[in-house]
Amino acid sequence: MNLKEIRSNIDRIDQQLPILLRQRMEYSLQAEKHKGDARDPAREESVFENVTAKSSSLLDKSFLSDLYKLILAESKKLQARHLKLVGFQGEHGAWSEIAIHAFGSEMAPIPCLEFRDVFACVANHDLEFGVVPVENSIEGSVTEVNDLLVEADLKIVAEAVIPVHHNLLALPGTNHQEIRSVYSHPQALSQCRAFLSRNKLEPRPFYNTAGAARWLAHERQRSAGVIASKLAAEFYELDIIKENIEDHPENATRFVLLSTQPGTGTSPANKCTIAFSTQHRAGALSDIVRIFAENKANLTRIESRPIRTNPGTFAFLLDFQGKPDDPAVVRALENAKKAAMMFKNLGFYPEATL
């Protein structure tokens, strides 16, 4: 093994250490949620014993002990902030995490494997909130999320519209001419199709934009690039080769903040989302839409989704502008509920703008 290979291995380990420490802090915050403010000296003593048992001629017991005292002290400092735990799908650096920052500073983003996991963790009170993308201005509806909104018993308490400006990332020091293939989520690859074609780069689908960035940082493939956010470049110490490579500069994604409880934010709520199903007869949908028109409620979205638990039936997701204390809005919701077979008010929240 030559010096270059040795340094490459060191770089790989150094890149992984902050990621593992961050994951440990996230688990620490989740543990605090379960145990409350109670301290557990026996648990801390057990941690020290387990760590120092792994000492060797290279890792002295006192070094390991001092290191873990610092780690535990930082964990307690984070726990004392009582951050709100917010789930999102994907890896750190994902666009959903960027959306979380738009909802507030005292929030701790917690990665979840799937969208369903985000909904489940909020519903089970493992996390206070969840953030999911609902629709993209170029690709349209995020169908899995909208299906889960129909199925789950959660409330939308806020929304954010995030501009999506994609970036080509690569390992530090990479010459752009070295890159042959580009990894990212299929939607990101699609949104940058013209750039990839123009530069003769082979698109390679990956489950998540930030996940692709993390993979590249670990695998160290010089011939590979990824499409991801600037936050992902920061997290995984990658160079930004080219900014704003999306085909449409107006590209944006709408995200919603989910909770088990209705919103009680400081900003006044002026938008509402409902889910409903109708009788299987001609004009049933138009009857409900007419109710909102008669009460001067401006519809901003309506979409049909198959009800997976009852094949052959459909639910509708409808967004409209309106305040919860407006008598016309109250009347519209009451009449729509009477006319629908299934009806769910997913919540009032402040409308977001780009």
Protein backbone atom coordinates (compact mmCIF):
# COMPACT_ATOMS: atom_id res chain seq x y z
CA MET A 1 0.00 0.00 0.00
CA ASN A 2 1.51 3.31 -1.10
CA LEU A 3 1.17 6.72 0.61
CA LYS A 4 -1.66 7.81 -1.71
CA GLU A 5 -3.74 4.73 -0.83
CA ILE A 6 -3.04 5.15 2.88
CA ARG A 7 -4.16 8.77 2.80
CA SER A 8 -7.23 7.81 0.82
CA ASN A 9 -8.20 5.32 3.54
CA ILE A 10 -7.61 7.95 6.22
CA ASP A 11 -9.81 10.40 4.29
CA ARG A 12 -12.57 7.79 4.09
CA ILE A 13 -12.47 7.21 7.84
CA ASP A 14 -12.32 10.94 8.61
CA GLN A 15 -15.35 11.46 6.41
CA GLN A 16 -17.29 8.76 8.25
CA LEU A 17 -16.46 9.83 11.82
CA PRO A 18 -18.58 13.05 11.85
CA ILE A 19 -21.46 11.14 10.23
CA LEU A 20 -21.36 8.46 12.92
CA LEU A 21 -21.09 11.07 15.69
CA ARG A 22 -24.09 12.91 14.28
CA GLN A 23 -26.07 9.67 14.18
CA ARG A 24 -25.16 9.03 17.81
CA MET A 25 -26.39 12.50 18.78
CA GLU A 26 -29.66 11.88 16.93
CA TYR A 27 -30.23 8.63 18.83
CA SER A 28 -29.37 10.47 22.04
CA LEU A 29 -32.10 13.03 21.31
CA GLN A 30 -34.59 10.26 20.60
CA ALA A 31 -33.63 8.49 23.82
CA GLU A 32 -34.21 11.73 25.75
CA LYS A 33 -37.73 11.90 24.34
CA HIS A 34 -38.49 8.45 25.79
CA LYS A 35 -36.88 8.88 29.20
CA GLY A 36 -37.71 12.56 29.79
CA ASP A 37 -35.31 14.59 31.95
CA ALA A 38 -34.26 11.62 34.07
CA ARG A 39 -30.52 10.92 34.13
CA ASP A 40 -29.16 7.39 34.08
CA PRO A 41 -25.72 7.21 35.77
CA ALA A 42 -25.69 3.40 35.47
CA ARG A 43 -26.12 3.67 31.71
CA GLU A 44 -23.25 6.19 31.45
CA GLU A 45 -21.00 3.96 33.53
CA SER A 46 -21.85 1.04 31.26
CA VAL A 47 -20.90 3.11 28.20
CA PHE A 48 -17.50 3.96 29.70
CA GLU A 49 -16.86 0.31 30.61
CA ASN A 50 -17.73 -0.92 27.13
CA VAL A 51 -15.54 1.69 25.47
CA THR A 52 -12.47 1.34 27.68
CA ALA A 53 -12.68 -2.45 27.30
CA LYS A 54 -11.74 -1.86 23.67
CA SER A 55 -8.47 -0.15 24.60
CA SER A 56 -5.27 -1.44 23.05
CA SER A 57 -1.62 -0.54 22.63
CA LEU A 58 -2.78 2.20 20.21
CA LEU A 59 -5.90 3.32 22.07
CA ASP A 60 -5.17 4.10 25.70
CA LYS A 61 -7.99 3.79 28.24
CA SER A 62 -7.59 7.38 29.40
CA PHE A 63 -7.80 8.63 25.80
CA LEU A 64 -11.02 6.70 25.17
CA SER A 65 -12.46 7.79 28.51
CA ASP A 66 -11.70 11.48 27.85
CA LEU A 67 -13.10 11.20 24.33
CA TYR A 68 -16.39 9.72 25.53
CA LYS A 69 -16.71 12.25 28.33
CA LEU A 70 -16.69 14.93 25.62
CA ILE A 71 -19.22 13.01 23.53
CA LEU A 72 -21.59 12.50 26.47
CA ALA A 73 -21.23 16.14 27.51
CA GLU A 74 -22.20 17.25 24.00
CA SER A 75 -25.17 14.85 24.06
CA LYS A 76 -26.42 16.38 27.31
CA LYS A 77 -25.97 19.88 25.89
CA LEU A 78 -28.12 18.97 22.88
CA GLN A 79 -30.74 17.28 25.06
CA ALA A 80 -30.98 20.40 27.23
CA ARG A 81 -32.08 22.43 24.18
CA HIS A 82 -35.27 20.33 23.91
CA LEU A 83 -35.22 20.44 20.14
CA LYS A 84 -38.27 19.33 18.17
CA LEU A 85 -37.50 16.04 16.40
CA VAL A 86 -38.59 16.16 12.76
CA GLY A 87 -38.52 13.12 10.50
CA PHE A 88 -37.73 13.26 6.79
CA GLN A 89 -37.16 10.64 4.11
CA GLY A 90 -33.62 10.12 2.87
CA GLU A 91 -30.15 11.07 4.07
CA HIS A 92 -28.79 14.28 5.54
CA GLY A 93 -28.48 16.90 2.86
CA ALA A 94 -31.78 15.93 1.20
CA TRP A 95 -34.16 18.63 -0.01
CA SER A 96 -36.59 17.61 2.73
CA GLU A 97 -33.99 18.57 5.33
CA ILE A 98 -33.61 21.97 3.67
CA ALA A 99 -37.39 22.34 4.01
CA ILE A 100 -37.13 21.56 7.74
CA HIS A 101 -34.81 24.55 8.20
CA ALA A 102 -37.50 26.72 6.58
CA PHE A 103 -39.98 25.68 9.30
CA GLY A 104 -37.82 26.71 12.25
CA SER A 105 -34.35 26.77 13.79
CA GLU A 106 -35.06 24.73 16.92
CA MET A 107 -35.71 21.52 15.00
CA ALA A 108 -33.53 18.42 14.78
CA PRO A 109 -33.82 16.62 11.41
CA ILE A 110 -34.04 12.84 11.85
CA PRO A 111 -33.56 10.70 8.69
CA CYS A 112 -36.10 7.97 7.92
CA LEU A 113 -35.73 5.23 5.34
CA GLU A 114 -39.13 5.59 3.64
CA PHE A 115 -41.98 8.12 3.50
CA ARG A 116 -44.14 5.56 5.33
CA ASP A 117 -41.61 5.57 8.17
CA VAL A 118 -41.95 9.35 8.52
CA PHE A 119 -45.73 9.04 8.89
CA ALA A 120 -45.42 6.09 11.31
CA CYS A 121 -42.87 7.81 13.58
CA VAL A 122 -45.09 10.89 13.91
CA ALA A 123 -48.26 8.85 14.44
CA ASN A 124 -46.51 6.76 17.14
CA HIS A 125 -45.18 9.93 18.86
CA ASP A 126 -41.57 8.85 18.30
CA LEU A 127 -41.07 12.22 16.58
CA GLU A 128 -42.93 15.51 17.06
CA PHE A 129 -43.16 16.33 13.36
CA GLY A 130 -42.56 14.97 9.89
CA VAL A 131 -41.74 16.78 6.64
CA VAL A 132 -42.71 15.32 3.27
CA PRO A 133 -42.84 16.64 -0.32
CA VAL A 134 -46.34 16.88 -1.76
CA GLU A 135 -45.77 18.15 -5.28
CA ASN A 136 -43.07 19.48 -7.60
CA SER A 137 -43.63 22.26 -10.13
CA ILE A 138 -42.02 20.19 -12.91
CA GLU A 139 -42.68 16.54 -12.06
CA GLY A 140 -46.10 17.03 -10.45
CA SER A 141 -47.56 15.12 -7.51
CA VAL A 142 -45.52 12.89 -5.19
CA THR A 143 -48.02 10.03 -5.40
CA GLU A 144 -46.80 7.93 -2.47
CA VAL A 145 -46.98 10.90 -0.08
CA ASN A 146 -50.48 11.84 -1.24
CA ASP A 147 -51.64 8.24 -0.76
CA LEU A 148 -50.27 8.31 2.78
CA LEU A 149 -52.02 11.62 3.49
CA VAL A 150 -55.32 9.96 2.60
CA GLU A 151 -54.58 6.89 4.75
CA ALA A 152 -52.95 8.43 7.83
CA ASP A 153 -54.57 10.24 10.74
CA LEU A 154 -52.18 13.21 10.79
CA LYS A 155 -52.60 16.96 10.43
CA ILE A 156 -50.85 19.43 8.14
CA VAL A 157 -49.71 22.33 10.32
CA ALA A 158 -47.49 24.28 7.90
CA GLU A 159 -46.16 24.27 4.35
CA ALA A 160 -43.07 25.57 2.57
CA VAL A 161 -42.26 26.00 -1.11
CA ILE A 162 -38.54 25.40 -1.68
CA PRO A 163 -36.71 26.37 -4.90
CA VAL A 164 -34.84 23.30 -6.16
CA HIS A 165 -31.52 24.23 -7.74
CA HIS A 166 -29.55 21.11 -8.54
CA ASN A 167 -25.76 20.93 -8.45
CA LEU A 168 -23.20 18.55 -9.95
CA LEU A 169 -20.98 17.33 -7.11
CA ALA A 170 -17.74 15.33 -7.21
CA LEU A 171 -14.86 14.33 -4.98
CA PRO A 172 -12.49 17.16 -3.99
CA GLY A 173 -9.96 17.93 -6.69
CA THR A 174 -11.90 16.16 -9.44
CA ASN A 175 -11.55 17.55 -12.96
CA HIS A 176 -14.97 17.74 -14.61
CA GLN A 177 -13.54 15.92 -17.64
CA GLU A 178 -12.95 12.84 -15.45
CA ILE A 179 -16.68 12.39 -14.76
CA ARG A 180 -18.41 9.75 -16.88
CA SER A 181 -21.56 8.85 -14.93
CA VAL A 182 -23.85 10.79 -12.59
CA TYR A 183 -25.87 9.27 -9.74
CA SER A 184 -29.04 10.74 -8.23
CA HIS A 185 -32.75 10.23 -7.60
CA PRO A 186 -34.64 9.55 -10.86
CA GLN A 187 -36.59 12.82 -10.53
CA ALA A 188 -33.37 14.83 -10.15
CA LEU A 189 -31.86 13.09 -13.17
CA SER A 190 -35.01 13.86 -15.14
CA GLN A 191 -34.97 17.51 -14.09
CA CYS A 192 -31.36 17.81 -15.35
CA ARG A 193 -31.80 15.78 -18.54
CA ALA A 194 -30.58 18.49 -20.93
CA PHE A 195 -27.40 19.15 -18.89
CA LEU A 196 -26.55 15.45 -18.76
CA SER A 197 -27.15 14.99 -22.48
CA ARG A 198 -25.18 18.09 -23.43
CA ASN A 199 -22.17 16.90 -21.40
CA LYS A 200 -22.50 13.24 -22.47
CA LEU A 201 -22.89 12.06 -18.88
CA GLU A 202 -24.56 8.71 -18.19
CA PRO A 203 -27.45 9.00 -15.67
CA ARG A 204 -27.44 6.35 -12.91
CA PRO A 205 -30.60 6.18 -10.71
CA PHE A 206 -30.10 6.21 -6.93
CA TYR A 207 -32.70 6.04 -4.17
CA ASN A 208 -32.00 9.56 -2.86
CA THR A 209 -30.04 12.65 -3.95
CA ALA A 210 -28.22 13.02 -0.62
CA GLY A 211 -27.81 9.25 -0.42
CA ALA A 212 -25.90 9.40 -3.70
CA ALA A 213 -23.65 12.12 -2.24
CA ARG A 214 -22.96 10.01 0.84
CA TRP A 215 -22.21 6.96 -1.35
CA LEU A 216 -19.71 8.91 -3.46
CA ALA A 217 -17.94 10.30 -0.39
CA HIS A 218 -17.52 6.75 0.90
CA GLU A 219 -16.68 4.93 -2.34
CA ARG A 220 -14.32 7.66 -3.69
CA GLN A 221 -15.02 6.99 -7.38
CA ARG A 222 -13.23 9.66 -9.42
CA SER A 223 -15.22 8.93 -12.59
CA ALA A 224 -18.56 9.49 -10.83
CA GLY A 225 -20.52 12.61 -9.98
CA VAL A 226 -23.82 13.14 -8.20
CA ILE A 227 -26.70 15.59 -8.48
CA ALA A 228 -27.65 16.94 -5.08
CA SER A 229 -28.04 20.08 -2.96
CA LYS A 230 -25.36 22.43 -1.69
CA LEU A 231 -26.18 21.15 1.79
CA ALA A 232 -25.26 17.63 0.67
CA ALA A 233 -21.96 18.96 -0.68
CA GLU A 234 -21.28 20.49 2.73
CA PHE A 235 -22.25 17.37 4.69
CA TYR A 236 -20.14 14.96 2.62
CA GLU A 237 -17.26 17.31 1.78
CA LEU A 238 -17.76 17.22 -1.98
CA ASP A 239 -16.82 19.88 -4.53
CA ILE A 240 -19.53 21.70 -6.45
CA ILE A 241 -18.49 21.30 -10.09
CA LYS A 242 -21.49 23.15 -11.56
CA GLU A 243 -24.40 24.98 -9.94
CA ASN A 244 -28.01 25.30 -11.10
CA ILE A 245 -27.93 22.51 -13.69
CA GLU A 246 -31.71 21.97 -13.69
CA ASP A 247 -33.47 22.37 -17.03
CA HIS A 248 -36.10 24.74 -15.60
CA PRO A 249 -34.93 27.48 -13.20
CA GLU A 250 -38.46 27.84 -11.79
CA ASN A 251 -38.22 24.29 -10.39
CA ALA A 252 -39.69 24.19 -6.85
CA THR A 253 -41.14 21.62 -4.45
CA ARG A 254 -43.96 22.10 -1.95
CA PHE A 255 -43.39 20.45 1.43
CA VAL A 256 -45.81 20.04 4.34
CA LEU A 257 -45.14 19.74 8.07
CA LEU A 258 -47.10 16.91 9.72
CA SER A 259 -48.20 16.52 13.35
CA THR A 260 -50.70 14.53 15.37
CA GLN A 261 -52.26 17.79 16.57
CA PRO A 262 -53.79 20.72 14.62
CA GLY A 263 -51.55 23.70 14.01
CA THR A 264 -51.30 26.49 16.56
CA GLY A 265 -48.57 28.55 14.90
CA THR A 266 -48.02 32.28 15.29
CA SER A 267 -48.93 33.00 11.65
CA PRO A 268 -52.67 33.04 10.86
CA ALA A 269 -53.96 29.99 9.00
CA ASN A 270 -55.43 30.81 5.60
CA LYS A 271 -55.30 27.50 3.74
CA CYS A 272 -56.84 24.07 4.28
CA THR A 273 -56.44 20.56 2.89
CA ILE A 274 -59.21 17.96 2.95
CA ALA A 275 -59.49 14.36 1.75
CA PHE A 276 -62.82 12.84 0.76
CA SER A 277 -64.51 10.19 -1.34
CA THR A 278 -67.85 10.45 -3.12
CA GLN A 279 -70.67 8.18 -4.11
CA HIS A 280 -70.15 6.33 -7.39
CA ARG A 281 -72.56 8.39 -9.48
CA ALA A 282 -72.41 11.06 -12.14
CA GLY A 283 -71.95 14.57 -10.76
CA ALA A 284 -70.96 13.50 -7.22
CA LEU A 285 -67.58 15.23 -7.39
CA SER A 286 -68.95 18.38 -9.03
CA ASP A 287 -71.57 18.62 -6.25
CA ILE A 288 -68.83 18.95 -3.63
CA VAL A 289 -66.72 21.31 -5.74
CA ARG A 290 -69.82 23.47 -6.21
CA ILE A 291 -70.22 23.75 -2.43
CA PHE A 292 -66.84 25.50 -2.20
CA ALA A 293 -67.58 27.71 -5.22
CA GLU A 294 -70.88 28.82 -3.68
CA ASN A 295 -69.05 29.79 -0.49
CA LYS A 296 -66.36 31.75 -2.40
CA ALA A 297 -63.52 29.37 -1.40
CA ASN A 298 -60.70 29.46 -3.97
CA LEU A 299 -59.48 25.94 -4.83
CA THR A 300 -55.70 25.69 -5.37
CA ARG A 301 -55.43 21.93 -6.00
CA ILE A 302 -57.63 18.91 -6.53
CA GLU A 303 -56.28 15.45 -7.19
CA SER A 304 -57.71 11.94 -7.25
CA ARG A 305 -55.91 8.97 -5.71
CA PRO A 306 -56.95 5.30 -5.62
CA ILE A 307 -57.79 4.04 -2.13
CA ARG A 308 -55.37 1.15 -1.79
CA THR A 309 -57.29 -0.49 1.03
CA ASN A 310 -60.44 -0.58 -1.12
CA PRO A 311 -59.53 -1.31 -4.76
CA GLY A 312 -61.77 0.32 -7.34
CA THR A 313 -62.55 3.35 -5.17
CA PHE A 314 -60.95 6.79 -5.25
CA ALA A 315 -60.28 9.59 -2.80
CA PHE A 316 -59.77 13.25 -3.62
CA LEU A 317 -57.29 15.65 -2.07
CA LEU A 318 -58.44 19.24 -2.21
CA ASP A 319 -56.58 22.41 -1.15
CA PHE A 320 -58.40 25.71 -0.80
CA GLN A 321 -57.78 29.18 0.58
CA GLY A 322 -59.82 29.98 3.67
CA LYS A 323 -59.62 30.79 7.37
CA PRO A 324 -60.90 28.39 10.05
CA ASP A 325 -63.06 31.09 11.69
CA ASP A 326 -64.69 32.25 8.43
CA PRO A 327 -68.44 31.34 8.60
CA ALA A 328 -68.48 30.63 4.83
CA VAL A 329 -65.55 28.20 5.20
CA VAL A 330 -67.18 26.49 8.20
CA ARG A 331 -70.40 26.14 6.21
CA ALA A 332 -68.57 24.76 3.17
CA LEU A 333 -66.78 22.12 5.24
CA GLU A 334 -69.98 21.06 7.00
CA ASN A 335 -71.90 20.70 3.73
CA ALA A 336 -69.02 18.90 2.02
CA LYS A 337 -68.81 16.45 4.90
CA LYS A 338 -72.54 15.69 4.57
CA ALA A 339 -72.22 15.13 0.82
CA ALA A 340 -69.11 12.90 1.01
CA MET A 341 -68.90 9.19 1.82
CA MET A 342 -65.51 9.64 3.55
CA PHE A 343 -64.30 13.03 4.77
CA LYS A 344 -61.09 14.10 6.56
CA ASN A 345 -60.01 17.63 7.42
CA LEU A 346 -56.22 17.45 7.22
CA GLY A 347 -55.80 20.86 8.79
CA PHE A 348 -55.61 24.62 8.42
CA TYR A 349 -52.17 26.22 8.04
CA PRO A 350 -50.50 29.42 6.70
CA GLU A 351 -50.13 29.41 2.93
CA ALA A 352 -46.54 29.50 1.70
CA THR A 353 -45.15 31.45 -1.22
CA LEU A 354 -42.02 30.82 -3.26
